[in-house]
C-alpha atoms as a PDB file:
ATOM      1  CA  MET A   1       0.000   0.000   0.000  1.00  0.00           C
ATOM      2  CA  ALA A   2       1.273   3.473  -0.805  1.00  0.00           C
ATOM      3  CA  PRO A   3       2.308   5.529   2.218  1.00  0.00           C
ATOM      4  CA  ASN A   4      -0.227   8.245   1.380  1.00  0.00           C
ATOM      5  CA  ALA A   5      -3.106   5.747   1.265  1.00  0.00           C
ATOM      6  CA  LEU A   6      -1.979   4.289   4.577  1.00  0.00           C
ATOM      7  CA  LEU A   7      -1.896   7.738   6.172  1.00  0.00           C
ATOM      8  CA  VAL A   8      -5.311   8.634   4.732  1.00  0.00           C
ATOM      9  CA  ARG A   9      -6.748   5.489   6.299  1.00  0.00           C
ATOM     10  CA  LEU A  10      -5.043   6.361   9.581  1.00  0.00           C
ATOM     11  CA  HIS A  11      -6.616   9.844   9.515  1.00  0.00           C
ATOM     12  CA  GLU A  12     -10.049   8.315   8.862  1.00  0.00           C
ATOM     13  CA  ALA A  13      -9.526   5.946  11.795  1.00  0.00           C
ATOM     14  CA  LYS A  14      -8.600   8.915  14.007  1.00  0.00           C
ATOM     15  CA  LYS A  15     -11.767  10.734  12.950  1.00  0.00           C
ATOM     16  CA  GLY A  16     -13.771   7.609  13.738  1.00  0.00           C
ATOM     17  CA  HIS A  17     -12.211   7.512  17.186  1.00  0.00           C
ATOM     18  CA  LEU A  18     -13.147  11.140  17.805  1.00  0.00           C
ATOM     19  CA  ARG A  19     -16.756  10.348  16.863  1.00  0.00           C
ATOM     20  CA  TRP A  20     -16.669   7.342  19.210  1.00  0.00           C
ATOM     21  CA  ILE A  21     -15.395   9.467  22.113  1.00  0.00           C
ATOM     22  CA  GLY A  22     -18.137  12.033  21.405  1.00  0.00           C
ATOM     23  CA  ARG A  23     -20.794   9.319  21.605  1.00  0.00           C
ATOM     24  CA  VAL A  24     -19.369   8.014  24.890  1.00  0.00           C
ATOM     25  CA  GLU A  25     -19.394  11.559  26.265  1.00  0.00           C
ATOM     26  CA  GLU A  26     -23.050  11.947  25.258  1.00  0.00           C
ATOM     27  CA  LEU A  27     -23.878   8.618  26.893  1.00  0.00           C
ATOM     28  CA  VAL A  28     -22.264   9.671  30.176  1.00  0.00           C
ATOM     29  CA  GLN A  29     -23.492  13.277  30.242  1.00  0.00           C
ATOM     30  CA  ASN A  30     -27.077  12.415  29.285  1.00  0.00           C
ATOM     31  CA  ASN A  31     -27.109   9.379  31.575  1.00  0.00           C
ATOM     32  CA  LEU A  32     -28.122   7.014  28.776  1.00  0.00           C
ATOM     33  CA  SER A  33     -27.949   3.296  29.498  1.00  0.00           C
ATOM     34  CA  ASP A  34     -26.314   2.320  26.207  1.00  0.00           C
ATOM     35  CA  SER A  35     -26.112   3.315  22.571  1.00  0.00           C
ATOM     36  CA  PRO A  36     -26.031   1.079  19.517  1.00  0.00           C
ATOM     37  CA  LEU A  37     -23.789   3.693  17.893  1.00  0.00           C
ATOM     38  CA  ILE A  38     -20.979   2.993  20.373  1.00  0.00           C
ATOM     39  CA  GLU A  39     -18.944  -0.055  19.550  1.00  0.00           C
ATOM     40  CA  SER A  40     -18.023  -1.720  22.825  1.00  0.00           C
ATOM     41  CA  SER A  41     -15.527  -4.070  21.225  1.00  0.00           C
ATOM     42  CA  GLY A  42     -12.172  -2.714  20.160  1.00  0.00           C
ATOM     43  CA  THR A  43     -12.404  -4.815  17.017  1.00  0.00           C
ATOM     44  CA  GLU A  44     -15.665  -3.235  15.825  1.00  0.00           C
ATOM     45  CA  CYS A  45     -14.830   0.470  15.873  1.00  0.00           C
ATOM     46  CA  ALA A  46     -13.139   2.304  12.994  1.00  0.00           C
ATOM     47  CA  LEU A  47      -9.777   2.503  14.726  1.00  0.00           C
ATOM     48  CA  GLY A  48      -9.909  -1.145  15.762  1.00  0.00           C
ATOM     49  CA  LYS A  49     -10.719  -2.272  12.236  1.00  0.00           C
ATOM     50  CA  TRP A  50      -7.858  -0.161  10.895  1.00  0.00           C
ATOM     51  CA  LEU A  51      -5.487  -1.619  13.473  1.00  0.00           C
ATOM     52  CA  ILE A  52      -6.434  -5.197  12.667  1.00  0.00           C
ATOM     53  CA  HIS A  53      -6.116  -4.615   8.934  1.00  0.00           C
ATOM     54  CA  GLU A  54      -2.716  -2.919   9.158  1.00  0.00           C
ATOM     55  CA  PHE A  55      -1.282  -4.832  12.118  1.00  0.00           C
ATOM     56  CA  LYS A  56      -1.466  -8.136  10.264  1.00  0.00           C
ATOM     57  CA  SER A  57       0.999  -6.903   7.682  1.00  0.00           C
ATOM     58  CA  ILE A  58       3.585  -5.518  10.090  1.00  0.00           C
ATOM     59  CA  ASP A  59       6.846  -7.352  10.477  1.00  0.00           C
ATOM     60  CA  ARG A  60       7.579  -7.737  14.202  1.00  0.00           C
ATOM     61  CA  ASN A  61      11.154  -6.647  13.511  1.00  0.00           C
ATOM     62  CA  SER A  62      10.159  -3.486  11.663  1.00  0.00           C
ATOM     63  CA  LYS A  63      10.860  -0.014  12.987  1.00  0.00           C
ATOM     64  CA  ILE A  64       7.165   0.753  13.374  1.00  0.00           C
ATOM     65  CA  PHE A  65       5.989  -2.428  15.114  1.00  0.00           C
ATOM     66  CA  ASN A  66       6.446  -0.903  18.591  1.00  0.00           C
ATOM     67  CA  ALA A  67       4.459   2.161  17.584  1.00  0.00           C
ATOM     68  CA  PHE A  68       1.602  -0.075  16.384  1.00  0.00           C
ATOM     69  CA  SER A  69       1.813  -2.095  19.608  1.00  0.00           C
ATOM     70  CA  ALA A  70       1.556   1.038  21.749  1.00  0.00           C
ATOM     71  CA  VAL A  71      -1.524   2.199  19.833  1.00  0.00           C
ATOM     72  CA  ASP A  72      -3.068  -1.247  20.189  1.00  0.00           C
ATOM     73  CA  THR A  73      -2.447  -1.288  23.948  1.00  0.00           C
ATOM     74  CA  PHE A  74      -3.964   2.157  24.550  1.00  0.00           C
ATOM     75  CA  HIS A  75      -6.910   1.298  22.305  1.00  0.00           C
ATOM     76  CA  LYS A  76      -7.586  -1.928  24.201  1.00  0.00           C
ATOM     77  CA  GLU A  77      -7.422  -0.114  27.563  1.00  0.00           C
ATOM     78  CA  LEU A  78      -9.830   2.513  26.255  1.00  0.00           C
ATOM     79  CA  HIS A  79     -12.452  -0.061  25.323  1.00  0.00           C
ATOM     80  CA  ASP A  80     -11.956  -1.835  28.664  1.00  0.00           C
ATOM     81  CA  LEU A  81     -12.779   1.443  30.429  1.00  0.00           C
ATOM     82  CA  TYR A  82     -15.885   1.827  28.275  1.00  0.00           C
ATOM     83  CA  LEU A  83     -16.982  -1.695  29.230  1.00  0.00           C
ATOM     84  CA  ASP A  84     -16.472  -0.727  32.890  1.00  0.00           C
ATOM     85  CA  ILE A  85     -18.761   2.266  32.356  1.00  0.00           C
ATOM     86  CA  LEU A  86     -21.424   0.048  30.783  1.00  0.00           C
ATOM     87  CA  ALA A  87     -21.142  -2.444  33.638  1.00  0.00           C
ATOM     88  CA  LEU A  88     -21.578   0.331  36.207  1.00  0.00           C
ATOM     89  CA  LYS A  89     -24.578   1.721  34.300  1.00  0.00           C
ATOM     90  CA  SER A  90     -26.227  -1.704  34.234  1.00  0.00           C
ATOM     91  CA  GLY A  91     -25.491  -2.376  37.910  1.00  0.00           C
ATOM     92  CA  LYS A  92     -23.140  -5.259  37.127  1.00  0.00           C
ATOM     93  CA  GLY A  93     -20.100  -3.230  38.107  1.00  0.00           C
ATOM     94  CA  GLN A  94     -21.267  -2.531  41.635  1.00  0.00           C
ATOM     95  CA  ASN A  95     -19.931  -4.524  44.507  1.00  0.00           C
ATOM     96  CA  LYS A  96     -22.420  -7.369  44.965  1.00  0.00           C
ATOM     97  CA  MET A  97     -21.335  -7.858  48.577  1.00  0.00           C
ATOM     98  CA  LEU A  98     -22.858  -4.592  49.769  1.00  0.00           C
ATOM     99  CA  PHE A  99     -25.827  -5.262  51.989  1.00  0.00           C
ATOM    100  CA  GLY A 100     -27.741  -3.289  54.609  1.00  0.00           C
ATOM    101  CA  MET A 101     -25.778  -0.482  56.198  1.00  0.00           C
ATOM    102  CA  GLN A 102     -22.901  -0.772  53.730  1.00  0.00           C
ATOM    103  CA  ARG A 103     -25.300  -0.183  50.837  1.00  0.00           C
ATOM    104  CA  ILE A 104     -26.730   2.894  52.591  1.00  0.00           C
ATOM    105  CA  VAL A 105     -23.213   4.260  53.154  1.00  0.00           C
ATOM    106  CA  MET A 106     -22.427   3.577  49.487  1.00  0.00           C
ATOM    107  CA  TRP A 107     -25.565   5.479  48.443  1.00  0.00           C
ATOM    108  CA  TRP A 108     -24.956   8.345  50.857  1.00  0.00           C
ATOM    109  CA  HIS A 109     -21.235   8.775  50.341  1.00  0.00           C
ATOM    110  CA  PRO A 110     -20.834  10.897  47.171  1.00  0.00           C
ATOM    111  CA  THR A 111     -17.360   9.598  46.295  1.00  0.00           C
ATOM    112  CA  LEU A 112     -18.632   6.040  46.265  1.00  0.00           C
ATOM    113  CA  SER A 113     -21.809   6.587  44.265  1.00  0.00           C
ATOM    114  CA  VAL A 114     -22.245   4.816  40.954  1.00  0.00           C
ATOM    115  CA  SER A 115     -22.528   8.091  39.078  1.00  0.00           C
ATOM    116  CA  SER A 116     -19.235   9.308  40.535  1.00  0.00           C
ATOM    117  CA  GLN A 117     -17.614   5.980  39.638  1.00  0.00           C
ATOM    118  CA  ILE A 118     -18.895   6.381  36.076  1.00  0.00           C
ATOM    119  CA  LYS A 119     -17.561   9.929  35.905  1.00  0.00           C
ATOM    120  CA  LYS A 120     -14.215   8.769  37.273  1.00  0.00           C
ATOM    121  CA  ARG A 121     -14.010   6.017  34.616  1.00  0.00           C
ATOM    122  CA  TYR A 122     -15.027   8.513  31.954  1.00  0.00           C
ATOM    123  CA  HIS A 123     -12.232  10.898  32.986  1.00  0.00           C
ATOM    124  CA  LEU A 124      -9.795   7.977  32.841  1.00  0.00           C
ATOM    125  CA  LEU A 125     -11.182   7.136  29.398  1.00  0.00           C
ATOM    126  CA  LYS A 126     -10.595  10.726  28.232  1.00  0.00           C
ATOM    127  CA  LYS A 127      -7.026  10.613  29.573  1.00  0.00           C
ATOM    128  CA  LYS A 128      -6.408   7.274  27.882  1.00  0.00           C
ATOM    129  CA  SER A 129      -7.804   8.742  24.668  1.00  0.00           C
ATOM    130  CA  GLU A 130      -5.252  11.560  24.869  1.00  0.00           C
ATOM    131  CA  GLU A 131      -2.491   8.977  25.361  1.00  0.00           C
ATOM    132  CA  LEU A 132      -3.862   7.052  22.396  1.00  0.00           C
ATOM    133  CA  PHE A 133      -3.731  10.161  20.203  1.00  0.00           C
ATOM    134  CA  ALA A 134      -0.152  10.822  21.285  1.00  0.00           C
ATOM    135  CA  ALA A 135       0.721   7.235  20.307  1.00  0.00           C
ATOM    136  CA  LEU A 136      -1.146   7.676  17.003  1.00  0.00           C
ATOM    137  CA  ASP A 137       0.869  10.820  16.298  1.00  0.00           C
ATOM    138  CA  ILE A 138       4.098   8.895  16.937  1.00  0.00           C
ATOM    139  CA  LEU A 139       2.874   6.108  14.657  1.00  0.00           C
ATOM    140  CA  GLU A 140       1.943   8.612  11.966  1.00  0.00           C
ATOM    141  CA  GLY A 141       5.410  10.141  12.169  1.00  0.00           C
ATOM    142  CA  ALA A 142       7.021   6.711  11.930  1.00  0.00           C
ATOM    143  CA  LEU A 143       4.859   5.787   8.952  1.00  0.00           C
ATOM    144  CA  SER A 144       5.709   9.065   7.249  1.00  0.00           C
ATOM    145  CA  MET A 145       9.405   8.541   7.883  1.00  0.00           C
ATOM    146  CA  HIS A 146       9.677   4.836   7.069  1.00  0.00           C
ATOM    147  CA  GLY A 147       6.733   4.419   4.694  1.00  0.00           C
ATOM    148  CA  THR A 148       5.709   1.041   3.393  1.00  0.00           C
ATOM    149  CA  GLN A 149       9.233  -0.359   3.463  1.00  0.00           C
ATOM    150  CA  SER A 150       8.485  -1.190   7.114  1.00  0.00           C
ATOM    151  CA  LEU A 151       5.351  -3.074   6.137  1.00  0.00           C
ATOM    152  CA  LYS A 152       6.210  -6.576   5.120  1.00  0.00           C
ATOM    153  CA  TYR A 153       3.492  -9.156   4.872  1.00  0.00           C
ATOM    154  CA  THR A 154       4.323 -11.855   7.393  1.00  0.00           C
ATOM    155  CA  GLY A 155       1.660 -14.396   6.501  1.00  0.00           C
ATOM    156  CA  ARG A 156      -0.156 -13.981   9.832  1.00  0.00           C
ATOM    157  CA  VAL A 157      -3.847 -13.237   9.782  1.00  0.00           C
ATOM    158  CA  ALA A 158      -3.487 -10.873  12.737  1.00  0.00           C
ATOM    159  CA  SER A 159      -1.482 -10.715  15.924  1.00  0.00           C
ATOM    160  CA  ASP A 160      -2.805 -12.795  18.806  1.00  0.00           C
ATOM    161  CA  ASP A 161      -3.075  -9.663  20.951  1.00  0.00           C
ATOM    162  CA  VAL A 162      -5.366  -7.976  18.453  1.00  0.00           C
ATOM    163  CA  LEU A 163      -7.558 -11.050  18.022  1.00  0.00           C
ATOM    164  CA  GLN A 164      -7.999 -11.536  21.769  1.00  0.00           C
ATOM    165  CA  ARG A 165      -9.546  -8.105  22.236  1.00  0.00           C
ATOM    166  CA  SER A 166     -13.236  -8.122  22.904  1.00  0.00           C
END
């Protein structure tokens, strides 16, 4: 693939990620339970699809493999945080051992409330998104510098790490 086409696809994936973050923000701010427009799996969103497609053709010994790996790690952590938010919204993320007085304290204590836990996870998600964009910028610079000479088809369908994401 030509370096320009690769970078265009990367820019589209970045735009897709920005849209995804905007939808998550709307979900949290408007206290929605879920949205079909938000891909919970890191393999379903635009950035995840781009990563899977491009990651499979990266030689592990190439100069840009580590940059791809960093992006993949941040992306996976981001979707894990989103799944935490969904679990908290559905009640599955609350401590099931809270009974009686402990549950009342949990309800009364503002730092322990579910909504504050969701907001805390959302702020972590925003921070992780910033880290992801920094890693994407590094990857973009590496791709611009090294181009497609760093992309050698290895015969793998995709890395095990990418396939194990949910």
